[in-house]
Amino acid sequence: MLITVTGGIGSGKTRFALGYAARISREGIYLSTGDHDPVIPELPSAHYRAIQAGNGQHLTEVLHQINRESNLFLADQRIVIVDSLTAWMAAGFRASDDLDQQRSETQLLLDALLSYQGKLLVITNEMHGSLYPSEEERIFAARMASVNRALQAHSEQMYLLISGLAVDLKDRGLRYED
């Protein structure tokens, strides 16, 4: 089960995601990049553990490792929270100037997210452009928006946070058709 929480910076995504996760799962793993807050937010219960996965580890590898070590019979009782996908992707973009390598890493990450067995809650940012973005910013924003669209297409639930208010996008009945 894939759940996506999106919104702007400081909109309340993490607080909402942790509260929501506590309502639907008895235990969880909070994967943090560690770059958005110096401290990990208060976790819902002792059955939740935090992993600082932003220091040199790649999210793709971490997700595959958790998936391999998971007991599929108990996977529905646990949720993995990724906070935030945008920060991981930005770190990948900073690590390499090779656009083909960036595209390949993005696809591997998306494949890992979509193949995860169990409940997965992904926190991501809505991409807003500036008046005069650099070429790098434009490419990153386009790639991030593309990943967000793929997550939306595969998510059972998707929430948009605006000033702490969550809007259930899948429940609104709005659909974009190609």
C-alpha atoms as a PDB file:
ATOM      1  CA  MET A   1       0.000   0.000   0.000  1.00  0.00           C
ATOM      2  CA  LEU A   2       1.498   3.300  -1.114  1.00  0.00           C
ATOM      3  CA  ILE A   3       0.464   6.585   0.517  1.00  0.00           C
ATOM      4  CA  THR A   4       1.851   9.929  -0.635  1.00  0.00           C
ATOM      5  CA  VAL A   5       1.921  13.144   1.382  1.00  0.00           C
ATOM      6  CA  THR A   6       2.924  16.246  -0.550  1.00  0.00           C
ATOM      7  CA  GLY A   7       2.998  19.987  -0.054  1.00  0.00           C
ATOM      8  CA  GLY A   8       5.282  22.958   0.275  1.00  0.00           C
ATOM      9  CA  ILE A   9       8.141  23.498   2.686  1.00  0.00           C
ATOM     10  CA  GLY A  10       6.882  23.917   6.260  1.00  0.00           C
ATOM     11  CA  SER A  11       3.304  22.907   5.400  1.00  0.00           C
ATOM     12  CA  GLY A  12       3.087  20.246   8.150  1.00  0.00           C
ATOM     13  CA  LYS A  13       3.746  17.141   6.042  1.00  0.00           C
ATOM     14  CA  THR A  14       5.868  15.300   8.631  1.00  0.00           C
ATOM     15  CA  ARG A  15       3.552  15.971  11.565  1.00  0.00           C
ATOM     16  CA  PHE A  16       0.527  14.862   9.533  1.00  0.00           C
ATOM     17  CA  ALA A  17       2.342  11.778   8.170  1.00  0.00           C
ATOM     18  CA  LEU A  18       3.428  10.561  11.611  1.00  0.00           C
ATOM     19  CA  GLY A  19      -0.047  11.058  13.068  1.00  0.00           C
ATOM     20  CA  TYR A  20      -1.662   9.311  10.127  1.00  0.00           C
ATOM     21  CA  ALA A  21       0.830   6.431  10.280  1.00  0.00           C
ATOM     22  CA  ALA A  22       0.053   5.918  13.985  1.00  0.00           C
ATOM     23  CA  ARG A  23      -3.643   5.534  13.136  1.00  0.00           C
ATOM     24  CA  ILE A  24      -3.125   2.873  10.470  1.00  0.00           C
ATOM     25  CA  SER A  25      -0.109   0.888  11.738  1.00  0.00           C
ATOM     26  CA  ARG A  26       0.954  -0.491  15.060  1.00  0.00           C
ATOM     27  CA  GLU A  27       4.664  -0.058  14.331  1.00  0.00           C
ATOM     28  CA  GLY A  28       6.836   1.791  11.876  1.00  0.00           C
ATOM     29  CA  ILE A  29      10.211   2.786  10.549  1.00  0.00           C
ATOM     30  CA  TYR A  30      10.874   6.478   9.995  1.00  0.00           C
ATOM     31  CA  LEU A  31      13.580   6.999   7.343  1.00  0.00           C
ATOM     32  CA  SER A  32      14.956  10.517   7.639  1.00  0.00           C
ATOM     33  CA  THR A  33      17.473  12.378   5.523  1.00  0.00           C
ATOM     34  CA  GLY A  34      18.340  14.381   8.610  1.00  0.00           C
ATOM     35  CA  ASP A  35      18.718  17.580   6.607  1.00  0.00           C
ATOM     36  CA  HIS A  36      15.340  19.195   7.207  1.00  0.00           C
ATOM     37  CA  ASP A  37      15.440  19.338  11.024  1.00  0.00           C
ATOM     38  CA  PRO A  38      18.308  18.871  13.460  1.00  0.00           C
ATOM     39  CA  VAL A  39      16.114  16.533  15.515  1.00  0.00           C
ATOM     40  CA  ILE A  40      13.848  13.736  14.412  1.00  0.00           C
ATOM     41  CA  PRO A  41      10.258  14.650  15.263  1.00  0.00           C
ATOM     42  CA  GLU A  42       8.512  12.863  18.116  1.00  0.00           C
ATOM     43  CA  LEU A  43       7.548   9.398  16.942  1.00  0.00           C
ATOM     44  CA  PRO A  44       4.026   8.094  17.624  1.00  0.00           C
ATOM     45  CA  SER A  45       5.060   5.285  19.994  1.00  0.00           C
ATOM     46  CA  ALA A  46       7.869   3.056  21.184  1.00  0.00           C
ATOM     47  CA  HIS A  47       6.971   0.716  18.320  1.00  0.00           C
ATOM     48  CA  TYR A  48       8.371   3.243  15.844  1.00  0.00           C
ATOM     49  CA  ARG A  49      12.072   3.527  15.203  1.00  0.00           C
ATOM     50  CA  ALA A  50      13.997   6.159  13.306  1.00  0.00           C
ATOM     51  CA  ILE A  51      16.823   5.567  10.867  1.00  0.00           C
ATOM     52  CA  GLN A  52      19.012   8.484   9.780  1.00  0.00           C
ATOM     53  CA  ALA A  53      19.593   7.274   6.246  1.00  0.00           C
ATOM     54  CA  GLY A  54      20.890  10.517   4.805  1.00  0.00           C
ATOM     55  CA  ASN A  55      24.560  10.098   5.609  1.00  0.00           C
ATOM     56  CA  GLY A  56      25.958   8.333   2.577  1.00  0.00           C
ATOM     57  CA  GLN A  57      23.338   5.605   2.287  1.00  0.00           C
ATOM     58  CA  HIS A  58      21.087   5.596  -0.736  1.00  0.00           C
ATOM     59  CA  LEU A  59      17.346   5.363  -0.200  1.00  0.00           C
ATOM     60  CA  THR A  60      17.087   2.676  -2.892  1.00  0.00           C
ATOM     61  CA  GLU A  61      19.478   0.399  -0.971  1.00  0.00           C
ATOM     62  CA  VAL A  62      17.779   1.087   2.371  1.00  0.00           C
ATOM     63  CA  LEU A  63      14.330   0.224   0.977  1.00  0.00           C
ATOM     64  CA  HIS A  64      15.593  -2.974  -0.639  1.00  0.00           C
ATOM     65  CA  GLN A  65      17.270  -3.988   2.636  1.00  0.00           C
ATOM     66  CA  ILE A  66      14.097  -3.380   4.670  1.00  0.00           C
ATOM     67  CA  ASN A  67      12.085  -5.274   2.049  1.00  0.00           C
ATOM     68  CA  ARG A  68      14.483  -8.249   2.169  1.00  0.00           C
ATOM     69  CA  GLU A  69      14.435  -8.390   5.971  1.00  0.00           C
ATOM     70  CA  SER A  70      10.670  -8.002   6.282  1.00  0.00           C
ATOM     71  CA  ASN A  71       8.322 -10.733   7.350  1.00  0.00           C
ATOM     72  CA  LEU A  72       5.645 -10.566   4.639  1.00  0.00           C
ATOM     73  CA  PHE A  73       3.032 -11.975   7.025  1.00  0.00           C
ATOM     74  CA  LEU A  74       3.553  -9.035   9.393  1.00  0.00           C
ATOM     75  CA  ALA A  75       4.262  -6.343   6.771  1.00  0.00           C
ATOM     76  CA  ASP A  76       0.715  -5.030   6.935  1.00  0.00           C
ATOM     77  CA  GLN A  77       1.157  -4.144  10.624  1.00  0.00           C
ATOM     78  CA  ARG A  78       4.176  -1.929   9.958  1.00  0.00           C
ATOM     79  CA  ILE A  79       4.605   1.224   7.918  1.00  0.00           C
ATOM     80  CA  VAL A  80       7.785   2.700   6.469  1.00  0.00           C
ATOM     81  CA  ILE A  81       7.807   6.500   6.289  1.00  0.00           C
ATOM     82  CA  VAL A  82      10.212   8.172   3.840  1.00  0.00           C
ATOM     83  CA  ASP A  83      10.952  11.800   4.812  1.00  0.00           C
ATOM     84  CA  SER A  84      11.611  13.309   2.399  1.00  0.00           C
ATOM     85  CA  LEU A  85      11.906  11.955  -1.103  1.00  0.00           C
ATOM     86  CA  THR A  86      12.704  15.431  -2.405  1.00  0.00           C
ATOM     87  CA  ALA A  87      15.748  15.752  -0.133  1.00  0.00           C
ATOM     88  CA  TRP A  88      17.073  12.345  -1.231  1.00  0.00           C
ATOM     89  CA  MET A  89      16.645  13.221  -4.884  1.00  0.00           C
ATOM     90  CA  ALA A  90      18.299  16.614  -4.384  1.00  0.00           C
ATOM     91  CA  ALA A  91      21.275  14.908  -2.722  1.00  0.00           C
ATOM     92  CA  GLY A  92      21.542  12.571  -5.721  1.00  0.00           C
ATOM     93  CA  PHE A  93      21.501  15.511  -8.090  1.00  0.00           C
ATOM     94  CA  ARG A  94      24.244  17.267  -6.123  1.00  0.00           C
ATOM     95  CA  ALA A  95      26.372  14.107  -6.186  1.00  0.00           C
ATOM     96  CA  SER A  96      26.558  13.868  -9.977  1.00  0.00           C
ATOM     97  CA  ASP A  97      26.475  16.226 -12.953  1.00  0.00           C
ATOM     98  CA  ASP A  98      25.823  13.352 -15.383  1.00  0.00           C
ATOM     99  CA  LEU A  99      22.171  13.676 -16.483  1.00  0.00           C
ATOM    100  CA  ASP A 100      21.983  10.066 -17.674  1.00  0.00           C
ATOM    101  CA  GLN A 101      23.284   8.813 -14.319  1.00  0.00           C
ATOM    102  CA  GLN A 102      20.791  11.062 -12.484  1.00  0.00           C
ATOM    103  CA  ARG A 103      17.951   9.729 -14.649  1.00  0.00           C
ATOM    104  CA  SER A 104      19.050   6.142 -14.006  1.00  0.00           C
ATOM    105  CA  GLU A 105      19.306   6.695 -10.222  1.00  0.00           C
ATOM    106  CA  THR A 106      15.866   8.331 -10.213  1.00  0.00           C
ATOM    107  CA  GLN A 107      14.350   5.342 -12.021  1.00  0.00           C
ATOM    108  CA  LEU A 108      16.009   2.877  -9.624  1.00  0.00           C
ATOM    109  CA  LEU A 109      14.640   4.842  -6.678  1.00  0.00           C
ATOM    110  CA  LEU A 110      11.146   4.975  -8.159  1.00  0.00           C
ATOM    111  CA  ASP A 111      11.270   1.224  -8.873  1.00  0.00           C
ATOM    112  CA  ALA A 112      12.300   0.547  -5.243  1.00  0.00           C
ATOM    113  CA  LEU A 113       9.426   2.675  -3.938  1.00  0.00           C
ATOM    114  CA  LEU A 114       6.842   1.065  -6.209  1.00  0.00           C
ATOM    115  CA  SER A 115       8.020  -2.502  -5.536  1.00  0.00           C
ATOM    116  CA  TYR A 116       8.033  -2.159  -1.743  1.00  0.00           C
ATOM    117  CA  GLN A 117       6.049  -4.939  -0.041  1.00  0.00           C
ATOM    118  CA  GLY A 118       3.893  -3.480   2.715  1.00  0.00           C
ATOM    119  CA  LYS A 119       2.720  -0.057   3.795  1.00  0.00           C
ATOM    120  CA  LEU A 120       4.882   2.790   2.552  1.00  0.00           C
ATOM    121  CA  LEU A 121       4.229   6.478   3.221  1.00  0.00           C
ATOM    122  CA  VAL A 122       6.297   8.833   1.075  1.00  0.00           C
ATOM    123  CA  ILE A 123       6.647  12.500   1.982  1.00  0.00           C
ATOM    124  CA  THR A 124       7.540  14.677  -0.980  1.00  0.00           C
ATOM    125  CA  ASN A 125       7.469  18.339  -1.939  1.00  0.00           C
ATOM    126  CA  GLU A 126       5.417  20.101  -4.556  1.00  0.00           C
ATOM    127  CA  MET A 127       7.809  21.775  -6.946  1.00  0.00           C
ATOM    128  CA  HIS A 128       7.387  25.515  -7.369  1.00  0.00           C
ATOM    129  CA  GLY A 129       9.542  27.359  -9.840  1.00  0.00           C
ATOM    130  CA  SER A 130      11.329  30.643  -9.474  1.00  0.00           C
ATOM    131  CA  LEU A 131      11.169  33.471 -11.991  1.00  0.00           C
ATOM    132  CA  TYR A 132      14.622  32.774 -13.393  1.00  0.00           C
ATOM    133  CA  PRO A 133      15.567  29.175 -12.563  1.00  0.00           C
ATOM    134  CA  SER A 134      18.960  27.832 -13.505  1.00  0.00           C
ATOM    135  CA  GLU A 135      19.083  24.949 -15.945  1.00  0.00           C
ATOM    136  CA  GLU A 136      19.894  22.594 -13.038  1.00  0.00           C
ATOM    137  CA  GLU A 137      16.866  23.829 -11.047  1.00  0.00           C
ATOM    138  CA  ARG A 138      14.599  23.440 -14.055  1.00  0.00           C
ATOM    139  CA  ILE A 139      15.774  19.865 -14.692  1.00  0.00           C
ATOM    140  CA  PHE A 140      15.433  18.922 -11.020  1.00  0.00           C
ATOM    141  CA  ALA A 141      11.934  20.438 -10.729  1.00  0.00           C
ATOM    142  CA  ALA A 142      10.801  18.613 -13.877  1.00  0.00           C
ATOM    143  CA  ARG A 143      12.252  15.295 -12.664  1.00  0.00           C
ATOM    144  CA  MET A 144      10.734  15.704  -9.193  1.00  0.00           C
ATOM    145  CA  ALA A 145       7.338  16.566 -10.693  1.00  0.00           C
ATOM    146  CA  SER A 146       7.564  13.466 -12.889  1.00  0.00           C
ATOM    147  CA  VAL A 147       8.303  11.256  -9.862  1.00  0.00           C
ATOM    148  CA  ASN A 148       5.402  12.853  -7.965  1.00  0.00           C
ATOM    149  CA  ARG A 149       3.056  12.044 -10.875  1.00  0.00           C
ATOM    150  CA  ALA A 150       4.243   8.423 -10.880  1.00  0.00           C
ATOM    151  CA  LEU A 151       3.690   8.185  -7.113  1.00  0.00           C
ATOM    152  CA  GLN A 152       0.198   9.664  -7.517  1.00  0.00           C
ATOM    153  CA  ALA A 153      -0.676   7.105 -10.191  1.00  0.00           C
ATOM    154  CA  HIS A 154       0.310   4.229  -7.876  1.00  0.00           C
ATOM    155  CA  SER A 155      -0.844   5.629  -4.523  1.00  0.00           C
ATOM    156  CA  GLU A 156      -3.972   4.332  -2.882  1.00  0.00           C
ATOM    157  CA  GLN A 157      -4.110   7.541  -0.867  1.00  0.00           C
ATOM    158  CA  MET A 158      -2.606  10.973  -1.496  1.00  0.00           C
ATOM    159  CA  TYR A 159      -2.741  14.026   0.731  1.00  0.00           C
ATOM    160  CA  LEU A 160      -1.820  17.628  -0.020  1.00  0.00           C
ATOM    161  CA  LEU A 161      -0.814  19.732   3.008  1.00  0.00           C
ATOM    162  CA  ILE A 162      -1.446  23.460   2.966  1.00  0.00           C
ATOM    163  CA  SER A 163      -0.714  25.401   6.170  1.00  0.00           C
ATOM    164  CA  GLY A 164      -1.233  22.279   8.284  1.00  0.00           C
ATOM    165  CA  LEU A 165      -4.519  21.365   6.578  1.00  0.00           C
ATOM    166  CA  ALA A 166      -4.605  18.002   4.783  1.00  0.00           C
ATOM    167  CA  VAL A 167      -6.679  17.599   1.632  1.00  0.00           C
ATOM    168  CA  ASP A 168      -7.402  14.017   0.522  1.00  0.00           C
ATOM    169  CA  LEU A 169      -6.699  14.265  -3.207  1.00  0.00           C
ATOM    170  CA  LYS A 170      -7.784  10.740  -4.134  1.00  0.00           C
ATOM    171  CA  ASP A 171     -11.135  11.227  -2.395  1.00  0.00           C
ATOM    172  CA  ARG A 172     -11.895  14.463  -4.260  1.00  0.00           C
ATOM    173  CA  GLY A 173     -12.642  12.592  -7.477  1.00  0.00           C
ATOM    174  CA  LEU A 174     -10.353  14.795  -9.559  1.00  0.00           C
ATOM    175  CA  ARG A 175      -8.525  12.881 -12.235  1.00  0.00           C
ATOM    176  CA  TYR A 176      -6.051  13.878 -14.892  1.00  0.00           C
ATOM    177  CA  GLU A 177      -6.406  11.815 -18.028  1.00  0.00           C
ATOM    178  CA  ASP A 178      -3.841  11.728 -20.824  1.00  0.00           C
END
